[in-house]
């Protein structure tokens, strides 16, 4: 695996609930999650995260990034930029997580999932509630960095593992699970790579 770029999914959330949810998701997709990437805000640097990604036994590797409400480019976004631009990493997609941070410019997404797991062509808020009168963008404290990185597919969702318990990790985090499975399906269809 050393000669291959590691396949990584980035998630712009990293609190404890997100960690618990993504650990459930990783089991369901037979991937790995870097649990140490959790933090509110992210506490590991880009180089530290790259080392952990390479220690993961197999792909895809889910990595969390969080700015803890910082509307400017914070530690989580700087770490995400480093990881995404590393020559040994291939970011195959991103889950852009909505928050109450409306001061940001947000990021356009290819699609969004509401709190019931429906694919919609409208943005959602942190509760996964559709925002029908808005353009398809996700607003959050760690999403703007996605505008500066080449990512083939970005899916927007509400707060990972929450959304008023519609995505609760004890019921398998169904919304987040569907978003990541959808991301993988699109990646496989676009690349023809079945076995990640």
Protein backbone atom coordinates (compact mmCIF):
# COMPACT_ATOMS: atom_id res chain seq x y z
CA UNK A 1 0.00 0.00 0.00
CA UNK A 2 3.03 2.33 0.44
CA UNK A 3 3.20 3.03 -3.32
CA UNK A 4 -0.51 3.90 -3.52
CA UNK A 5 -2.24 7.10 -2.52
CA UNK A 6 -4.54 6.53 0.44
CA UNK A 7 -8.23 7.07 -0.24
CA UNK A 8 -9.60 9.59 2.25
CA UNK A 9 -13.05 10.99 3.01
CA UNK A 10 -12.99 14.29 4.90
CA UNK A 11 -15.77 15.30 7.28
CA UNK A 12 -16.06 18.87 8.53
CA UNK A 13 -17.13 17.96 12.05
CA UNK A 14 -15.19 16.48 14.93
CA UNK A 15 -16.99 16.64 18.25
CA UNK A 16 -17.55 13.55 20.39
CA UNK A 17 -20.98 12.80 18.91
CA UNK A 18 -19.55 13.01 15.38
CA UNK A 19 -16.75 10.67 16.41
CA UNK A 20 -19.19 8.09 17.77
CA UNK A 21 -21.33 8.34 14.65
CA UNK A 22 -18.41 8.03 12.25
CA UNK A 23 -17.03 5.03 14.11
CA UNK A 24 -20.38 3.35 13.42
CA UNK A 25 -20.27 4.41 9.77
CA UNK A 26 -16.73 3.07 9.30
CA UNK A 27 -17.85 -0.37 10.47
CA UNK A 28 -20.77 -0.34 8.04
CA UNK A 29 -18.67 0.57 5.01
CA UNK A 30 -15.72 -1.65 6.02
CA UNK A 31 -13.48 1.40 6.21
CA UNK A 32 -11.47 3.04 8.95
CA UNK A 33 -11.95 6.25 10.87
CA UNK A 34 -9.11 8.16 12.48
CA UNK A 35 -10.71 8.53 15.91
CA UNK A 36 -7.75 10.63 17.06
CA UNK A 37 -8.75 13.24 14.46
CA UNK A 38 -11.77 14.06 16.62
CA UNK A 39 -11.56 17.29 18.55
CA UNK A 40 -13.52 20.47 18.97
CA UNK A 41 -11.42 22.07 17.57
CA UNK A 42 -9.08 19.69 15.74
CA UNK A 43 -5.96 19.30 17.86
CA UNK A 44 -3.70 17.33 15.51
CA UNK A 45 -1.64 18.95 12.78
CA UNK A 46 -1.75 18.03 9.11
CA UNK A 47 1.54 16.08 9.26
CA UNK A 48 0.34 14.16 12.32
CA UNK A 49 -2.90 13.24 10.54
CA UNK A 50 -1.08 12.07 7.41
CA UNK A 51 1.00 9.69 9.57
CA UNK A 52 -2.16 8.29 11.16
CA UNK A 53 -3.83 7.87 7.77
CA UNK A 54 -0.89 5.78 6.59
CA UNK A 55 -1.14 3.60 9.69
CA UNK A 56 -4.78 2.74 8.93
CA UNK A 57 -5.07 -0.88 7.82
CA UNK A 58 -7.25 -0.20 4.78
CA UNK A 59 -9.21 2.35 2.82
CA UNK A 60 -11.37 4.36 2.74
CA UNK A 61 -10.11 6.37 5.70
CA UNK A 62 -12.51 8.86 7.29
CA UNK A 63 -10.86 11.92 8.86
CA UNK A 64 -12.58 14.59 10.94
CA UNK A 65 -11.76 18.31 10.90
CA UNK A 66 -13.35 20.91 13.18
CA UNK A 67 -12.81 24.64 13.77
CA UNK A 68 -15.10 24.88 16.82
CA UNK A 69 -17.16 27.80 15.53
CA UNK A 70 -14.24 29.82 14.15
CA UNK A 71 -15.62 31.71 11.13
CA UNK A 72 -12.06 32.40 9.89
CA UNK A 73 -9.58 29.75 8.77
CA UNK A 74 -8.84 27.87 11.96
CA UNK A 75 -6.66 24.94 12.96
CA UNK A 76 -9.04 22.34 11.53
CA UNK A 77 -9.15 24.00 8.12
CA UNK A 78 -5.36 24.37 8.01
CA UNK A 79 -4.97 20.68 8.83
CA UNK A 80 -7.52 19.75 6.16
CA UNK A 81 -5.69 21.83 3.55
CA UNK A 82 -2.41 20.07 4.37
CA UNK A 83 -3.92 16.58 4.23
CA UNK A 84 -5.84 17.22 1.00
CA UNK A 85 -2.75 18.58 -0.76
CA UNK A 86 -0.39 15.82 0.40
CA UNK A 87 1.06 13.82 -2.48
CA UNK A 88 0.31 10.49 -0.79
CA UNK A 89 -3.37 11.27 -0.17
CA UNK A 90 -6.33 11.15 -2.54
CA UNK A 91 -9.39 12.88 -1.12
CA UNK A 92 -12.20 11.01 -2.85
CA UNK A 93 -14.95 13.14 -1.36
CA UNK A 94 -16.11 15.33 1.48
CA UNK A 95 -19.07 15.55 3.82
CA UNK A 96 -19.78 19.24 4.39
CA UNK A 97 -21.52 19.64 7.74
CA UNK A 98 -23.90 22.53 8.35
CA UNK A 99 -23.73 24.59 11.53
CA UNK A 100 -25.16 27.87 12.77
CA UNK A 101 -22.13 29.74 11.43
CA UNK A 102 -23.89 31.97 8.89
CA UNK A 103 -21.05 34.51 8.75
CA UNK A 104 -19.09 32.26 6.40
CA UNK A 105 -19.39 32.24 2.60
CA UNK A 106 -20.19 28.55 2.81
CA UNK A 107 -19.35 26.07 0.10
CA UNK A 108 -21.33 24.79 -2.88
CA UNK A 109 -22.17 21.10 -2.70
CA UNK A 110 -23.21 18.60 -5.34
CA UNK A 111 -26.24 17.51 -3.32
CA UNK A 112 -27.56 17.46 0.22
CA UNK A 113 -29.33 14.98 2.45
CA UNK A 114 -32.08 16.11 4.79
CA UNK A 115 -32.59 14.68 8.29
CA UNK A 116 -34.64 11.81 6.85
CA UNK A 117 -31.87 10.82 4.44
CA UNK A 118 -33.63 12.17 1.35
CA UNK A 119 -31.35 13.46 -1.41
CA UNK A 120 -32.42 17.04 -2.13
CA UNK A 121 -31.28 19.90 -4.36
CA UNK A 122 -31.53 22.47 -1.56
CA UNK A 123 -29.19 23.25 1.33
CA UNK A 124 -29.89 22.05 4.86
CA UNK A 125 -29.30 23.63 8.25
CA UNK A 126 -27.57 21.94 11.18
CA UNK A 127 -30.77 20.03 11.98
CA UNK A 128 -30.95 18.62 8.45
CA UNK A 129 -33.95 20.80 7.68
CA UNK A 130 -34.16 21.88 4.00
CA UNK A 131 -33.70 25.58 3.24
CA UNK A 132 -35.88 25.81 0.15
CA UNK A 133 -35.27 29.46 -0.68
CA UNK A 134 -31.48 29.22 -0.64
CA UNK A 135 -28.94 28.18 -3.28
CA UNK A 136 -27.29 24.79 -2.86
CA UNK A 137 -24.55 25.74 -0.39
CA UNK A 138 -23.66 24.52 3.08
CA UNK A 139 -22.73 27.02 5.78
CA UNK A 140 -20.48 25.88 8.58
CA UNK A 141 -17.38 26.83 10.51
CA UNK A 142 -15.06 24.39 8.71
CA UNK A 143 -16.47 24.23 5.18
CA UNK A 144 -14.97 27.23 3.40
CA UNK A 145 -11.61 25.50 2.97
CA UNK A 146 -13.36 23.06 0.62
CA UNK A 147 -13.58 25.93 -1.89
CA UNK A 148 -9.77 25.94 -2.18
CA UNK A 149 -9.30 22.18 -2.63
CA UNK A 150 -9.97 19.92 -5.59
CA UNK A 151 -12.60 17.44 -4.33
CA UNK A 152 -14.61 15.36 -6.81
CA UNK A 153 -17.81 15.07 -4.76
CA UNK A 154 -19.11 17.10 -1.82
CA UNK A 155 -22.31 16.11 -0.03
CA UNK A 156 -23.96 18.42 2.47
CA UNK A 157 -25.70 17.20 5.64
CA UNK A 158 -26.79 18.48 9.03
CA UNK A 159 -24.91 18.00 12.28
CA UNK A 160 -23.30 14.52 12.26
CA UNK A 161 -24.85 12.14 14.77
CA UNK A 162 -27.47 14.68 15.83
CA UNK A 163 -30.13 16.32 13.63
CA UNK A 164 -32.53 16.03 16.57
CA UNK A 165 -31.65 12.33 16.91
CA UNK A 166 -32.59 11.42 13.35
CA UNK A 167 -28.89 10.62 12.90
CA UNK A 168 -28.23 9.31 16.41
CA UNK A 169 -25.22 6.99 16.52
CA UNK A 170 -27.10 4.42 18.62
CA UNK A 171 -29.42 3.84 15.65
CA UNK A 172 -26.46 3.62 13.28
CA UNK A 173 -26.18 7.28 12.23
CA UNK A 174 -28.41 6.58 9.18
CA UNK A 175 -28.08 9.98 7.50
CA UNK A 176 -24.29 10.13 7.73
CA UNK A 177 -24.05 6.48 6.70
CA UNK A 178 -26.17 7.11 3.61
CA UNK A 179 -24.15 10.21 2.69
CA UNK A 180 -20.84 8.34 2.83
CA UNK A 181 -22.22 5.30 0.99
CA UNK A 182 -23.56 7.62 -1.69
CA UNK A 183 -20.19 9.35 -1.94
CA UNK A 184 -18.47 5.96 -2.37
CA UNK A 185 -21.00 4.85 -5.00
CA UNK A 186 -20.40 8.01 -7.03
CA UNK A 187 -16.62 7.66 -6.73
CA UNK A 188 -16.75 4.04 -7.88
CA UNK A 189 -19.06 4.88 -10.78
CA UNK A 190 -16.84 7.78 -11.90
CA UNK A 191 -13.56 5.89 -11.62
CA UNK A 192 -14.54 2.30 -12.28
CA UNK A 193 -12.66 1.36 -9.10
CA UNK A 194 -14.85 -1.12 -7.26
CA UNK A 195 -12.50 -2.30 -4.53
CA UNK A 196 -11.30 0.71 -2.60
